[in-house]
């Protein structure tokens, strides 16, 4: 009897995944972003949320490859003197959490609405499917603007 790992290694999913260069590259980039977010406290030169690291005298310094850039701030600083690399690494953590939360919420709502429509049938199914059609007719950018206004 084959183990789950052996069945996965022989699966068509893994075979087709390895053949698709875009999928493999995207998975590598996603893994790097997850690792950067996970190890942000270790990788980041300083904690951008700590007030002791804010120095107005270091405000708006350019990145290290430009004139007057220092190796202390690889990507430069913002107008309050915070290191941009540290800010980006810590911000990546927030972005990943929000993205995963949004996908989980959409999945839960979709499953509940689909189960309700399938179980109830009839008018409930028709109403829920028309609501889904209306939701699909709006462009994503317009929905994002509407949600940010709320």
C-alpha atoms as a PDB file:
ATOM      1  CA  UNK A   1       0.000   0.000   0.000  1.00  0.00           C
ATOM      2  CA  UNK A   2       1.337   3.414  -1.006  1.00  0.00           C
ATOM      3  CA  UNK A   3       1.763   6.218   1.471  1.00  0.00           C
ATOM      4  CA  UNK A   4       0.231   9.645   0.937  1.00  0.00           C
ATOM      5  CA  UNK A   5       3.641  11.078   0.028  1.00  0.00           C
ATOM      6  CA  UNK A   6       4.224   8.369  -2.603  1.00  0.00           C
ATOM      7  CA  UNK A   7       0.806   9.000  -4.128  1.00  0.00           C
ATOM      8  CA  UNK A   8       1.511  12.747  -4.186  1.00  0.00           C
ATOM      9  CA  UNK A   9       4.881  12.217  -5.915  1.00  0.00           C
ATOM     10  CA  UNK A  10       3.152  10.134  -8.610  1.00  0.00           C
ATOM     11  CA  UNK A  11       0.165  12.475  -8.989  1.00  0.00           C
ATOM     12  CA  UNK A  12      -0.731  14.362 -12.133  1.00  0.00           C
ATOM     13  CA  UNK A  13      -0.954  17.552 -10.040  1.00  0.00           C
ATOM     14  CA  UNK A  14       2.752  17.487  -9.154  1.00  0.00           C
ATOM     15  CA  UNK A  15       3.704  16.438 -12.689  1.00  0.00           C
ATOM     16  CA  UNK A  16       1.781  19.316 -14.301  1.00  0.00           C
ATOM     17  CA  UNK A  17       2.996  21.775 -11.627  1.00  0.00           C
ATOM     18  CA  UNK A  18       6.657  20.950 -12.330  1.00  0.00           C
ATOM     19  CA  UNK A  19       6.103  21.346 -16.090  1.00  0.00           C
ATOM     20  CA  UNK A  20       4.622  24.854 -15.706  1.00  0.00           C
ATOM     21  CA  UNK A  21       7.523  27.307 -15.342  1.00  0.00           C
ATOM     22  CA  UNK A  22       5.266  30.229 -14.369  1.00  0.00           C
ATOM     23  CA  UNK A  23       3.663  28.216 -11.564  1.00  0.00           C
ATOM     24  CA  UNK A  24       7.044  27.107 -10.199  1.00  0.00           C
ATOM     25  CA  UNK A  25       8.448  30.657 -10.347  1.00  0.00           C
ATOM     26  CA  UNK A  26       5.319  32.071  -8.681  1.00  0.00           C
ATOM     27  CA  UNK A  27       5.538  29.453  -5.934  1.00  0.00           C
ATOM     28  CA  UNK A  28       9.195  30.331  -5.312  1.00  0.00           C
ATOM     29  CA  UNK A  29       8.396  34.060  -5.102  1.00  0.00           C
ATOM     30  CA  UNK A  30       5.459  33.378  -2.756  1.00  0.00           C
ATOM     31  CA  UNK A  31       7.666  31.193  -0.549  1.00  0.00           C
ATOM     32  CA  UNK A  32      10.353  33.907  -0.398  1.00  0.00           C
ATOM     33  CA  UNK A  33       7.748  36.501   0.604  1.00  0.00           C
ATOM     34  CA  UNK A  34       6.354  34.208   3.310  1.00  0.00           C
ATOM     35  CA  UNK A  35       9.849  33.581   4.676  1.00  0.00           C
ATOM     36  CA  UNK A  36      10.697  37.306   4.621  1.00  0.00           C
ATOM     37  CA  UNK A  37       7.488  38.078   6.502  1.00  0.00           C
ATOM     38  CA  UNK A  38       8.047  35.281   8.988  1.00  0.00           C
ATOM     39  CA  UNK A  39      11.623  36.276   9.757  1.00  0.00           C
ATOM     40  CA  UNK A  40      11.114  40.062   9.545  1.00  0.00           C
ATOM     41  CA  UNK A  41      12.207  40.663  13.170  1.00  0.00           C
ATOM     42  CA  UNK A  42      15.486  38.873  12.424  1.00  0.00           C
ATOM     43  CA  UNK A  43      16.151  40.225   8.918  1.00  0.00           C
ATOM     44  CA  UNK A  44      15.053  43.843   9.398  1.00  0.00           C
ATOM     45  CA  UNK A  45      17.837  46.190  10.524  1.00  0.00           C
ATOM     46  CA  UNK A  46      15.491  47.903  12.990  1.00  0.00           C
ATOM     47  CA  UNK A  47      11.911  47.764  14.240  1.00  0.00           C
ATOM     48  CA  UNK A  48       9.923  50.551  12.518  1.00  0.00           C
ATOM     49  CA  UNK A  49       7.306  50.503  15.299  1.00  0.00           C
ATOM     50  CA  UNK A  50       9.838  51.296  18.012  1.00  0.00           C
ATOM     51  CA  UNK A  51       9.970  55.021  18.748  1.00  0.00           C
ATOM     52  CA  UNK A  52      13.650  54.840  19.749  1.00  0.00           C
ATOM     53  CA  UNK A  53      14.523  54.102  16.093  1.00  0.00           C
ATOM     54  CA  UNK A  54      12.857  57.266  14.762  1.00  0.00           C
ATOM     55  CA  UNK A  55      15.373  60.032  14.214  1.00  0.00           C
ATOM     56  CA  UNK A  56      14.211  63.101  12.314  1.00  0.00           C
ATOM     57  CA  UNK A  57      17.837  63.895  11.431  1.00  0.00           C
ATOM     58  CA  UNK A  58      17.845  60.771   9.213  1.00  0.00           C
ATOM     59  CA  UNK A  59      14.685  61.798   7.349  1.00  0.00           C
ATOM     60  CA  UNK A  60      14.425  61.299   3.596  1.00  0.00           C
ATOM     61  CA  UNK A  61      17.876  59.782   3.120  1.00  0.00           C
ATOM     62  CA  UNK A  62      18.353  58.241  -0.336  1.00  0.00           C
ATOM     63  CA  UNK A  63      19.038  54.532  -0.921  1.00  0.00           C
ATOM     64  CA  UNK A  64      22.583  53.213  -0.623  1.00  0.00           C
ATOM     65  CA  UNK A  65      23.248  53.227  -4.408  1.00  0.00           C
ATOM     66  CA  UNK A  66      22.498  56.961  -4.765  1.00  0.00           C
ATOM     67  CA  UNK A  67      24.671  59.907  -3.769  1.00  0.00           C
ATOM     68  CA  UNK A  68      24.592  60.626  -0.018  1.00  0.00           C
ATOM     69  CA  UNK A  69      23.125  57.172   0.681  1.00  0.00           C
ATOM     70  CA  UNK A  70      24.525  55.223   3.618  1.00  0.00           C
ATOM     71  CA  UNK A  71      24.845  51.496   4.211  1.00  0.00           C
ATOM     72  CA  UNK A  72      22.912  51.930   7.464  1.00  0.00           C
ATOM     73  CA  UNK A  73      19.703  52.455   5.449  1.00  0.00           C
ATOM     74  CA  UNK A  74      19.827  50.204   2.364  1.00  0.00           C
ATOM     75  CA  UNK A  75      16.579  51.504   0.841  1.00  0.00           C
ATOM     76  CA  UNK A  76      16.744  54.939   2.455  1.00  0.00           C
ATOM     77  CA  UNK A  77      14.404  56.479   5.001  1.00  0.00           C
ATOM     78  CA  UNK A  78      10.982  58.094   5.021  1.00  0.00           C
ATOM     79  CA  UNK A  79      10.150  61.641   6.165  1.00  0.00           C
ATOM     80  CA  UNK A  80      10.265  60.580   9.826  1.00  0.00           C
ATOM     81  CA  UNK A  81      13.650  58.872   9.612  1.00  0.00           C
ATOM     82  CA  UNK A  82      12.384  55.265   9.638  1.00  0.00           C
ATOM     83  CA  UNK A  83      14.266  52.639   7.636  1.00  0.00           C
ATOM     84  CA  UNK A  84      12.296  51.785   4.483  1.00  0.00           C
ATOM     85  CA  UNK A  85      13.565  48.184   4.281  1.00  0.00           C
ATOM     86  CA  UNK A  86      12.371  47.477   7.818  1.00  0.00           C
ATOM     87  CA  UNK A  87       9.051  49.185   7.134  1.00  0.00           C
ATOM     88  CA  UNK A  88       8.529  47.094   3.996  1.00  0.00           C
ATOM     89  CA  UNK A  89       9.393  43.812   5.735  1.00  0.00           C
ATOM     90  CA  UNK A  90       7.051  44.501   8.636  1.00  0.00           C
ATOM     91  CA  UNK A  91       4.363  45.748   6.229  1.00  0.00           C
ATOM     92  CA  UNK A  92       4.668  42.487   4.294  1.00  0.00           C
ATOM     93  CA  UNK A  93       3.479  40.641   7.393  1.00  0.00           C
ATOM     94  CA  UNK A  94       0.332  42.756   7.549  1.00  0.00           C
ATOM     95  CA  UNK A  95      -0.328  42.381   3.816  1.00  0.00           C
ATOM     96  CA  UNK A  96      -0.049  38.588   3.947  1.00  0.00           C
ATOM     97  CA  UNK A  97      -2.393  38.370   6.936  1.00  0.00           C
ATOM     98  CA  UNK A  98      -4.958  40.610   5.211  1.00  0.00           C
ATOM     99  CA  UNK A  99      -4.680  38.637   1.959  1.00  0.00           C
ATOM    100  CA  UNK A 100      -5.109  35.263   3.656  1.00  0.00           C
ATOM    101  CA  UNK A 101      -7.984  36.609   5.733  1.00  0.00           C
ATOM    102  CA  UNK A 102      -9.759  37.964   2.661  1.00  0.00           C
ATOM    103  CA  UNK A 103      -9.407  34.656   0.808  1.00  0.00           C
ATOM    104  CA  UNK A 104     -10.639  32.707   3.840  1.00  0.00           C
ATOM    105  CA  UNK A 105     -13.639  35.033   4.264  1.00  0.00           C
ATOM    106  CA  UNK A 106     -14.523  34.809   0.567  1.00  0.00           C
ATOM    107  CA  UNK A 107     -14.241  31.031   0.700  1.00  0.00           C
ATOM    108  CA  UNK A 108     -16.479  30.748   3.745  1.00  0.00           C
ATOM    109  CA  UNK A 109     -19.096  33.097   2.296  1.00  0.00           C
ATOM    110  CA  UNK A 110     -19.006  31.284  -1.059  1.00  0.00           C
ATOM    111  CA  UNK A 111     -19.418  27.863   0.510  1.00  0.00           C
ATOM    112  CA  UNK A 112     -22.279  29.023   2.748  1.00  0.00           C
ATOM    113  CA  UNK A 113     -24.134  30.747  -0.104  1.00  0.00           C
ATOM    114  CA  UNK A 114     -23.566  27.786  -2.431  1.00  0.00           C
ATOM    115  CA  UNK A 115     -24.755  25.270   0.146  1.00  0.00           C
ATOM    116  CA  UNK A 116     -27.789  27.397   0.954  1.00  0.00           C
ATOM    117  CA  UNK A 117     -28.680  27.784  -2.722  1.00  0.00           C
ATOM    118  CA  UNK A 118     -28.244  24.072  -3.384  1.00  0.00           C
ATOM    119  CA  UNK A 119     -30.103  22.900  -0.298  1.00  0.00           C
ATOM    120  CA  UNK A 120     -33.029  25.334  -0.408  1.00  0.00           C
ATOM    121  CA  UNK A 121     -33.444  25.370  -4.192  1.00  0.00           C
ATOM    122  CA  UNK A 122     -36.306  27.154  -5.923  1.00  0.00           C
ATOM    123  CA  UNK A 123     -36.723  30.872  -5.279  1.00  0.00           C
ATOM    124  CA  UNK A 124     -33.876  31.000  -2.729  1.00  0.00           C
ATOM    125  CA  UNK A 125     -31.493  29.537  -5.301  1.00  0.00           C
ATOM    126  CA  UNK A 126     -32.682  31.986  -7.967  1.00  0.00           C
ATOM    127  CA  UNK A 127     -32.317  35.001  -5.654  1.00  0.00           C
ATOM    128  CA  UNK A 128     -28.860  33.997  -4.428  1.00  0.00           C
ATOM    129  CA  UNK A 129     -27.645  33.324  -7.968  1.00  0.00           C
ATOM    130  CA  UNK A 130     -28.966  36.701  -9.193  1.00  0.00           C
ATOM    131  CA  UNK A 131     -27.117  38.374  -6.288  1.00  0.00           C
ATOM    132  CA  UNK A 132     -23.966  36.517  -7.336  1.00  0.00           C
ATOM    133  CA  UNK A 133     -24.477  37.666 -10.947  1.00  0.00           C
ATOM    134  CA  UNK A 134     -24.867  41.276  -9.791  1.00  0.00           C
ATOM    135  CA  UNK A 135     -21.696  41.003  -7.704  1.00  0.00           C
ATOM    136  CA  UNK A 136     -19.759  39.627 -10.713  1.00  0.00           C
ATOM    137  CA  UNK A 137     -20.963  42.493 -12.920  1.00  0.00           C
ATOM    138  CA  UNK A 138     -19.114  45.125 -10.848  1.00  0.00           C
ATOM    139  CA  UNK A 139     -15.454  45.749 -11.668  1.00  0.00           C
ATOM    140  CA  UNK A 140     -13.099  44.920  -8.795  1.00  0.00           C
ATOM    141  CA  UNK A 141     -11.614  48.416  -8.684  1.00  0.00           C
ATOM    142  CA  UNK A 142     -15.037  50.012  -8.273  1.00  0.00           C
ATOM    143  CA  UNK A 143     -15.817  47.619  -5.401  1.00  0.00           C
ATOM    144  CA  UNK A 144     -12.472  48.476  -3.757  1.00  0.00           C
ATOM    145  CA  UNK A 145     -13.192  52.216  -4.032  1.00  0.00           C
ATOM    146  CA  UNK A 146     -16.700  51.677  -2.646  1.00  0.00           C
ATOM    147  CA  UNK A 147     -15.391  49.603   0.289  1.00  0.00           C
ATOM    148  CA  UNK A 148     -12.689  52.139   1.112  1.00  0.00           C
ATOM    149  CA  UNK A 149     -15.298  54.911   1.096  1.00  0.00           C
ATOM    150  CA  UNK A 150     -17.385  52.954   3.597  1.00  0.00           C
END
